[in-house]
PDB file of all heavy atoms in Angstrom:
ATOM      1  N   MET A   1     113.610  25.092  94.781  1.00  0.00           N
ATOM      2  CA  MET A   1     112.580  26.051  94.240  1.00  0.00           C
ATOM      3  C   MET A   1     112.049  26.832  95.429  1.00  0.00           C
ATOM      4  O   MET A   1     111.738  27.987  95.214  1.00  0.00           O
ATOM      5  CB  MET A   1     111.571  25.308  93.416  1.00  0.00           C
ATOM      6  CG  MET A   1     112.089  24.598  92.258  1.00  0.00           C
ATOM      7  SD  MET A   1     110.763  23.573  91.492  1.00  0.00           S
ATOM      8  CE  MET A   1     109.586  24.767  90.981  1.00  0.00           C
ATOM      9  N   ALA A   2     111.889  26.211  96.536  1.00  0.00           N
ATOM     10  CA  ALA A   2     111.323  26.907  97.666  1.00  0.00           C
ATOM     11  C   ALA A   2     112.318  27.602  98.561  1.00  0.00           C
ATOM     12  O   ALA A   2     112.075  28.678  99.041  1.00  0.00           O
ATOM     13  CB  ALA A   2     110.467  25.960  98.515  1.00  0.00           C
ATOM     14  N   LEU A   3     113.513  26.991  98.745  1.00  0.00           N
ATOM     15  CA  LEU A   3     114.417  27.426  99.720  1.00  0.00           C
ATOM     16  C   LEU A   3     115.508  28.383  99.212  1.00  0.00           C
ATOM     17  O   LEU A   3     116.377  28.826  99.908  1.00  0.00           O
ATOM     18  CB  LEU A   3     115.122  26.230 100.366  1.00  0.00           C
ATOM     19  CG  LEU A   3     114.161  25.214 100.934  1.00  0.00           C
ATOM     20  CD1 LEU A   3     114.902  24.118 101.645  1.00  0.00           C
ATOM     21  CD2 LEU A   3     113.285  25.854 102.015  1.00  0.00           C
ATOM     22  N   SER A   4     115.458  28.726  97.831  1.00  0.00           N
ATOM     23  CA  SER A   4     116.486  29.590  97.308  1.00  0.00           C
ATOM     24  C   SER A   4     116.012  31.005  97.179  1.00  0.00           C
ATOM     25  O   SER A   4     116.767  31.927  96.831  1.00  0.00           O
ATOM     26  CB  SER A   4     116.880  29.077  95.916  1.00  0.00           C
ATOM     27  OG  SER A   4     115.778  29.090  95.032  1.00  0.00           O
ATOM     28  N   THR A   5     114.743  31.296  97.551  1.00  0.00           N
ATOM     29  CA  THR A   5     114.209  32.665  97.442  1.00  0.00           C
ATOM     30  C   THR A   5     114.774  33.486  98.594  1.00  0.00           C
ATOM     31  O   THR A   5     114.838  33.017  99.708  1.00  0.00           O
ATOM     32  CB  THR A   5     112.681  32.622  97.461  1.00  0.00           C
ATOM     33  OG1 THR A   5     112.268  31.918  98.597  1.00  0.00           O
ATOM     34  CG2 THR A   5     112.125  31.998  96.232  1.00  0.00           C
ATOM     35  N   PRO A   6     115.078  34.749  98.339  1.00  0.00           N
ATOM     36  CA  PRO A   6     115.628  35.593  99.396  1.00  0.00           C
ATOM     37  C   PRO A   6     114.642  35.838 100.552  1.00  0.00           C
ATOM     38  O   PRO A   6     115.044  35.816 101.690  1.00  0.00           O
ATOM     39  CB  PRO A   6     115.912  36.927  98.605  1.00  0.00           C
ATOM     40  CG  PRO A   6     115.938  36.563  97.181  1.00  0.00           C
ATOM     41  CD  PRO A   6     114.990  35.431  97.018  1.00  0.00           C
ATOM     42  N   ASP A   7     113.333  36.031 100.247  1.00  0.00           N
ATOM     43  CA  ASP A   7     112.402  36.354 101.298  1.00  0.00           C
ATOM     44  C   ASP A   7     111.680  35.041 101.645  1.00  0.00           C
ATOM     45  O   ASP A   7     110.483  34.845 101.301  1.00  0.00           O
ATOM     46  CB  ASP A   7     111.400  37.341 100.777  1.00  0.00           C
ATOM     47  CG  ASP A   7     110.608  37.979 101.890  1.00  0.00           C
ATOM     48  OD1 ASP A   7     110.851  37.659 103.059  1.00  0.00           O
ATOM     49  OD2 ASP A   7     109.756  38.874 101.642  1.00  0.00           O
ATOM     50  N   ILE A   8     112.307  34.212 102.399  1.00  0.00           N
ATOM     51  CA  ILE A   8     111.719  32.863 102.661  1.00  0.00           C
ATOM     52  C   ILE A   8     110.722  32.845 103.695  1.00  0.00           C
ATOM     53  O   ILE A   8     109.991  31.898 103.850  1.00  0.00           O
ATOM     54  CB  ILE A   8     112.876  31.878 103.002  1.00  0.00           C
ATOM     55  CG1 ILE A   8     112.448  30.423 102.827  1.00  0.00           C
ATOM     56  CG2 ILE A   8     113.384  32.116 104.395  1.00  0.00           C
ATOM     57  CD1 ILE A   8     113.510  29.476 102.994  1.00  0.00           C
ATOM     58  N   GLN A   9     110.576  33.958 104.457  1.00  0.00           N
ATOM     59  CA  GLN A   9     109.637  33.935 105.576  1.00  0.00           C
ATOM     60  C   GLN A   9     108.200  34.191 105.109  1.00  0.00           C
ATOM     61  O   GLN A   9     107.235  34.039 105.899  1.00  0.00           O
ATOM     62  CB  GLN A   9     110.032  35.031 106.564  1.00  0.00           C
ATOM     63  CG  GLN A   9     111.396  34.795 107.223  1.00  0.00           C
ATOM     64  CD  GLN A   9     111.401  33.457 107.969  1.00  0.00           C
ATOM     65  OE1 GLN A   9     110.498  33.137 108.631  1.00  0.00           O
ATOM     66  NE2 GLN A   9     112.558  32.803 107.813  1.00  0.00           N
ATOM     67  N   LYS A  10     107.916  34.592 103.885  1.00  0.00           N
ATOM     68  CA  LYS A  10     106.592  34.817 103.479  1.00  0.00           C
ATOM     69  C   LYS A  10     105.888  33.498 103.259  1.00  0.00           C
ATOM     70  O   LYS A  10     106.398  32.548 102.706  1.00  0.00           O
ATOM     71  CB  LYS A  10     106.609  35.539 102.126  1.00  0.00           C
ATOM     72  CG  LYS A  10     107.041  37.014 102.236  1.00  0.00           C
ATOM     73  CD  LYS A  10     106.955  37.723 100.884  1.00  0.00           C
ATOM     74  CE  LYS A  10     107.253  39.162 100.993  1.00  0.00           C
ATOM     75  NZ  LYS A  10     107.190  39.878  99.726  1.00  0.00           N
ATOM     76  N   PRO A  11     104.609  33.357 103.736  1.00  0.00           N
ATOM     77  CA  PRO A  11     103.842  32.138 103.551  1.00  0.00           C
ATOM     78  C   PRO A  11     103.694  31.793 102.135  1.00  0.00           C
ATOM     79  O   PRO A  11     103.578  30.614 101.749  1.00  0.00           O
ATOM     80  CB  PRO A  11     102.485  32.489 104.216  1.00  0.00           C
ATOM     81  CG  PRO A  11     102.774  33.592 105.204  1.00  0.00           C
ATOM     82  CD  PRO A  11     103.930  34.402 104.539  1.00  0.00           C
ATOM     83  N   PHE A  12     103.691  32.796 101.248  1.00  0.00           N
ATOM     84  CA  PHE A  12     103.540  32.459  99.758  1.00  0.00           C
ATOM     85  C   PHE A  12     104.622  31.593  99.256  1.00  0.00           C
ATOM     86  O   PHE A  12     104.329  30.701  98.385  1.00  0.00           O
ATOM     87  CB  PHE A  12     103.579  33.828  99.023  1.00  0.00           C
ATOM     88  CG  PHE A  12     103.524  33.593  97.522  1.00  0.00           C
ATOM     89  CD1 PHE A  12     102.366  33.254  96.844  1.00  0.00           C
ATOM     90  CD2 PHE A  12     104.728  33.676  96.770  1.00  0.00           C
ATOM     91  CE1 PHE A  12     102.356  33.071  95.481  1.00  0.00           C
ATOM     92  CE2 PHE A  12     104.692  33.458  95.384  1.00  0.00           C
ATOM     93  CZ  PHE A  12     103.536  33.155  94.766  1.00  0.00           C
ATOM     94  N   ASP A  13     105.831  31.667  99.776  1.00  0.00           N
ATOM     95  CA  ASP A  13     106.870  30.769  99.350  1.00  0.00           C
ATOM     96  C   ASP A  13     106.533  29.308  99.611  1.00  0.00           C
ATOM     97  O   ASP A  13     106.702  28.470  98.752  1.00  0.00           O
ATOM     98  CB  ASP A  13     108.218  31.112 100.086  1.00  0.00           C
ATOM     99  CG  ASP A  13     108.685  32.566  99.689  1.00  0.00           C
ATOM    100  OD1 ASP A  13     108.472  32.916  98.592  1.00  0.00           O
ATOM    101  OD2 ASP A  13     109.282  33.163 100.617  1.00  0.00           O
ATOM    102  N   LEU A  14     105.997  28.995 100.746  1.00  0.00           N
ATOM    103  CA  LEU A  14     105.623  27.630 101.107  1.00  0.00           C
ATOM    104  C   LEU A  14     104.492  27.244 100.188  1.00  0.00           C
ATOM    105  O   LEU A  14     104.432  26.102  99.679  1.00  0.00           O
ATOM    106  CB  LEU A  14     105.271  27.549 102.560  1.00  0.00           C
ATOM    107  CG  LEU A  14     106.400  27.574 103.582  1.00  0.00           C
ATOM    108  CD1 LEU A  14     105.844  27.434 104.983  1.00  0.00           C
ATOM    109  CD2 LEU A  14     107.406  26.469 103.292  1.00  0.00           C
ATOM    110  N   GLN A  15     103.523  28.061 100.094  1.00  0.00           N
ATOM    111  CA  GLN A  15     102.389  27.742  99.238  1.00  0.00           C
ATOM    112  C   GLN A  15     102.743  27.464  97.769  1.00  0.00           C
ATOM    113  O   GLN A  15     102.216  26.466  97.180  1.00  0.00           O
ATOM    114  CB  GLN A  15     101.329  28.816  99.295  1.00  0.00           C
ATOM    115  CG  GLN A  15     100.041  28.518  98.508  1.00  0.00           C
ATOM    116  CD  GLN A  15      98.952  29.549  98.740  1.00  0.00           C
ATOM    117  OE1 GLN A  15      98.869  30.173  99.796  1.00  0.00           O
ATOM    118  NE2 GLN A  15      98.131  29.734  97.721  1.00  0.00           N
ATOM    119  N   ARG A  16     103.695  28.249  97.287  1.00  0.00           N
ATOM    120  CA  ARG A  16     104.116  28.070  95.912  1.00  0.00           C
ATOM    121  C   ARG A  16     104.851  26.756  95.735  1.00  0.00           C
ATOM    122  O   ARG A  16     104.697  26.006  94.773  1.00  0.00           O
ATOM    123  CB  ARG A  16     105.055  29.218  95.507  1.00  0.00           C
ATOM    124  CG  ARG A  16     105.608  29.188  94.098  1.00  0.00           C
ATOM    125  CD  ARG A  16     104.574  29.543  93.055  1.00  0.00           C
ATOM    126  NE  ARG A  16     103.892  28.341  92.507  1.00  0.00           N
ATOM    127  CZ  ARG A  16     102.718  28.365  91.891  1.00  0.00           C
ATOM    128  NH1 ARG A  16     102.075  29.456  91.816  1.00  0.00           N
ATOM    129  NH2 ARG A  16     102.218  27.235  91.388  1.00  0.00           N
ATOM    130  N   TYR A  17     105.666  26.444  96.730  1.00  0.00           N
ATOM    131  CA  TYR A  17     106.405  25.132  96.727  1.00  0.00           C
ATOM    132  C   TYR A  17     105.405  23.999  96.719  1.00  0.00           C
ATOM    133  O   TYR A  17     105.562  23.066  95.990  1.00  0.00           O
ATOM    134  CB  TYR A  17     107.311  25.039  97.912  1.00  0.00           C
ATOM    135  CG  TYR A  17     108.033  23.709  98.013  1.00  0.00           C
ATOM    136  CD1 TYR A  17     109.044  23.370  97.133  1.00  0.00           C
ATOM    137  CD2 TYR A  17     107.604  22.806  98.930  1.00  0.00           C
ATOM    138  CE1 TYR A  17     109.629  22.157  97.172  1.00  0.00           C
ATOM    139  CE2 TYR A  17     108.222  21.523  99.020  1.00  0.00           C
ATOM    140  CZ  TYR A  17     109.258  21.236  98.136  1.00  0.00           C
ATOM    141  OH  TYR A  17     109.829  19.989  98.148  1.00  0.00           O
ATOM    142  N   PHE A  18     104.416  23.996  97.570  1.00  0.00           N
ATOM    143  CA  PHE A  18     103.441  22.925  97.626  1.00  0.00           C
ATOM    144  C   PHE A  18     102.685  22.767  96.376  1.00  0.00           C
ATOM    145  O   PHE A  18     102.376  21.732  95.893  1.00  0.00           O
ATOM    146  CB  PHE A  18     102.533  23.054  98.825  1.00  0.00           C
ATOM    147  CG  PHE A  18     103.054  22.348 100.071  1.00  0.00           C
ATOM    148  CD1 PHE A  18     104.025  22.965 100.896  1.00  0.00           C
ATOM    149  CD2 PHE A  18     102.587  21.102 100.421  1.00  0.00           C
ATOM    150  CE1 PHE A  18     104.506  22.334 102.001  1.00  0.00           C
ATOM    151  CE2 PHE A  18     103.079  20.421 101.544  1.00  0.00           C
ATOM    152  CZ  PHE A  18     104.025  21.039 102.346  1.00  0.00           C
ATOM    153  N   LEU A  19     102.299  23.924  95.788  1.00  0.00           N
ATOM    154  CA  LEU A  19     101.550  23.861  94.484  1.00  0.00           C
ATOM    155  C   LEU A  19     102.383  23.215  93.412  1.00  0.00           C
ATOM    156  O   LEU A  19     101.926  22.422  92.624  1.00  0.00           O
ATOM    157  CB  LEU A  19     101.124  25.255  94.113  1.00  0.00           C
ATOM    158  CG  LEU A  19      99.938  25.851  94.840  1.00  0.00           C
ATOM    159  CD1 LEU A  19      99.764  27.322  94.493  1.00  0.00           C
ATOM    160  CD2 LEU A  19      98.677  25.069  94.525  1.00  0.00           C
ATOM    161  N   ASP A  20     103.687  23.613  93.338  1.00  0.00           N
ATOM    162  CA  ASP A  20     104.571  23.014  92.345  1.00  0.00           C
ATOM    163  C   ASP A  20     104.791  21.519  92.614  1.00  0.00           C
ATOM    164  O   ASP A  20     104.801  20.756  91.702  1.00  0.00           O
ATOM    165  CB  ASP A  20     106.015  23.758  92.376  1.00  0.00           C
ATOM    166  CG  ASP A  20     105.872  25.179  91.835  1.00  0.00           C
ATOM    167  OD1 ASP A  20     104.935  25.456  91.088  1.00  0.00           O
ATOM    168  OD2 ASP A  20     106.820  25.979  92.127  1.00  0.00           O
ATOM    169  N   LEU A  21     104.949  21.197  93.904  1.00  0.00           N
ATOM    170  CA  LEU A  21     105.197  19.829  94.239  1.00  0.00           C
ATOM    171  C   LEU A  21     104.011  18.963  93.918  1.00  0.00           C
ATOM    172  O   LEU A  21     104.169  17.883  93.291  1.00  0.00           O
ATOM    173  CB  LEU A  21     105.456  19.736  95.805  1.00  0.00           C
ATOM    174  CG  LEU A  21     105.584  18.316  96.315  1.00  0.00           C
ATOM    175  CD1 LEU A  21     106.858  17.650  95.843  1.00  0.00           C
ATOM    176  CD2 LEU A  21     105.608  18.322  97.876  1.00  0.00           C
ATOM    177  N   LEU A  22     102.815  19.421  94.239  1.00  0.00           N
ATOM    178  CA  LEU A  22     101.558  18.686  93.906  1.00  0.00           C
ATOM    179  C   LEU A  22     101.399  18.561  92.438  1.00  0.00           C
ATOM    180  O   LEU A  22     101.017  17.517  91.871  1.00  0.00           O
ATOM    181  CB  LEU A  22     100.396  19.296  94.569  1.00  0.00           C
ATOM    182  CG  LEU A  22     100.413  19.324  96.111  1.00  0.00           C
ATOM    183  CD1 LEU A  22      99.254  20.170  96.614  1.00  0.00           C
ATOM    184  CD2 LEU A  22     100.354  17.882  96.639  1.00  0.00           C
ATOM    185  N   ASN A  23     101.660  19.560  91.694  1.00  0.00           N
ATOM    186  CA  ASN A  23     101.552  19.583  90.214  1.00  0.00           C
ATOM    187  C   ASN A  23     102.475  18.604  89.614  1.00  0.00           C
ATOM    188  O   ASN A  23     102.120  17.785  88.691  1.00  0.00           O
ATOM    189  CB  ASN A  23     101.809  20.965  89.723  1.00  0.00           C
ATOM    190  CG  ASN A  23     101.600  20.994  88.184  1.00  0.00           C
ATOM    191  OD1 ASN A  23     100.585  20.633  87.596  1.00  0.00           O
ATOM    192  ND2 ASN A  23     102.655  21.508  87.483  1.00  0.00           N
ATOM    193  N   CYS A  24     103.732  18.560  90.098  1.00  0.00           N
ATOM    194  CA  CYS A  24     104.711  17.657  89.536  1.00  0.00           C
ATOM    195  C   CYS A  24     104.409  16.180  89.840  1.00  0.00           C
ATOM    196  O   CYS A  24     104.868  15.312  89.171  1.00  0.00           O
ATOM    197  CB  CYS A  24     106.107  17.992  90.061  1.00  0.00           C
ATOM    198  SG  CYS A  24     106.677  19.583  89.407  1.00  0.00           S
ATOM    199  N   SER A  25     103.724  15.948  90.948  1.00  0.00           N
ATOM    200  CA  SER A  25     103.390  14.594  91.422  1.00  0.00           C
ATOM    201  C   SER A  25     102.089  14.060  90.780  1.00  0.00           C
ATOM    202  O   SER A  25     101.668  12.958  91.104  1.00  0.00           O
ATOM    203  CB  SER A  25     103.417  14.494  92.907  1.00  0.00           C
ATOM    204  OG  SER A  25     102.351  15.252  93.395  1.00  0.00           O
ATOM    205  N   GLY A  26     101.451  14.852  89.934  1.00  0.00           N
ATOM    206  CA  GLY A  26     100.217  14.470  89.342  1.00  0.00           C
ATOM    207  C   GLY A  26      98.981  14.733  90.102  1.00  0.00           C
ATOM    208  O   GLY A  26      97.878  14.239  89.728  1.00  0.00           O
ATOM    209  N   ALA A  27      99.025  15.495  91.148  1.00  0.00           N
ATOM    210  CA  ALA A  27      97.891  15.800  91.939  1.00  0.00           C
ATOM    211  C   ALA A  27      97.061  16.943  91.246  1.00  0.00           C
ATOM    212  O   ALA A  27      97.584  17.671  90.418  1.00  0.00           O
ATOM    213  CB  ALA A  27      98.263  16.197  93.389  1.00  0.00           C
ATOM    214  N   VAL A  28      95.840  17.031  91.672  1.00  0.00           N
ATOM    215  CA  VAL A  28      94.953  18.174  91.189  1.00  0.00           C
ATOM    216  C   VAL A  28      94.819  19.092  92.311  1.00  0.00           C
ATOM    217  O   VAL A  28      94.287  18.734  93.366  1.00  0.00           O
ATOM    218  CB  VAL A  28      93.573  17.652  90.702  1.00  0.00           C
ATOM    219  CG1 VAL A  28      92.699  18.785  90.302  1.00  0.00           C
ATOM    220  CG2 VAL A  28      93.746  16.646  89.563  1.00  0.00           C
ATOM    221  N   ALA A  29      95.304  20.347  92.186  1.00  0.00           N
ATOM    222  CA  ALA A  29      95.300  21.319  93.283  1.00  0.00           C
ATOM    223  C   ALA A  29      94.691  22.667  92.837  1.00  0.00           C
ATOM    224  O   ALA A  29      94.914  23.047  91.700  1.00  0.00           O
ATOM    225  CB  ALA A  29      96.730  21.484  93.777  1.00  0.00           C
ATOM    226  N   GLU A  30      94.015  23.276  93.766  1.00  0.00           N
ATOM    227  CA  GLU A  30      93.490  24.615  93.480  1.00  0.00           C
ATOM    228  C   GLU A  30      93.484  25.397  94.740  1.00  0.00           C
ATOM    229  O   GLU A  30      93.734  24.860  95.870  1.00  0.00           O
ATOM    230  CB  GLU A  30      92.063  24.544  92.960  1.00  0.00           C
ATOM    231  CG  GLU A  30      91.060  23.842  93.831  1.00  0.00           C
ATOM    232  CD  GLU A  30      89.660  23.787  93.236  1.00  0.00           C
ATOM    233  OE1 GLU A  30      89.533  23.982  92.040  1.00  0.00           O
ATOM    234  OE2 GLU A  30      88.704  23.529  94.001  1.00  0.00           O
ATOM    235  N   THR A  31      93.346  26.729  94.669  1.00  0.00           N
ATOM    236  CA  THR A  31      93.389  27.623  95.763  1.00  0.00           C
ATOM    237  C   THR A  31      92.035  28.257  95.954  1.00  0.00           C
ATOM    238  O   THR A  31      91.732  29.273  95.365  1.00  0.00           O
ATOM    239  CB  THR A  31      94.465  28.740  95.584  1.00  0.00           C
ATOM    240  OG1 THR A  31      94.221  29.390  94.329  1.00  0.00           O
ATOM    241  CG2 THR A  31      95.849  28.101  95.525  1.00  0.00           C
ATOM    242  N   PRO A  32      91.193  27.642  96.799  1.00  0.00           N
ATOM    243  CA  PRO A  32      89.798  28.160  97.014  1.00  0.00           C
ATOM    244  C   PRO A  32      89.686  29.459  97.771  1.00  0.00           C
ATOM    245  O   PRO A  32      88.679  30.105  97.839  1.00  0.00           O
ATOM    246  CB  PRO A  32      89.098  27.034  97.751  1.00  0.00           C
ATOM    247  CG  PRO A  32      90.218  26.311  98.484  1.00  0.00           C
ATOM    248  CD  PRO A  32      91.443  26.458  97.597  1.00  0.00           C
TER     249      PRO A  32
END
C-alpha cells in the first residue's frame, strides 16, 4: 500500500502508510 505509489518521495505516502498500519493493528491514531 505504501511502496506501490508512483510518487514515493512525498512524506504523505509514509504518513498514509503508518495511519493505515496503526488502524489495522487496533491503535488509536490522529493527526494533531
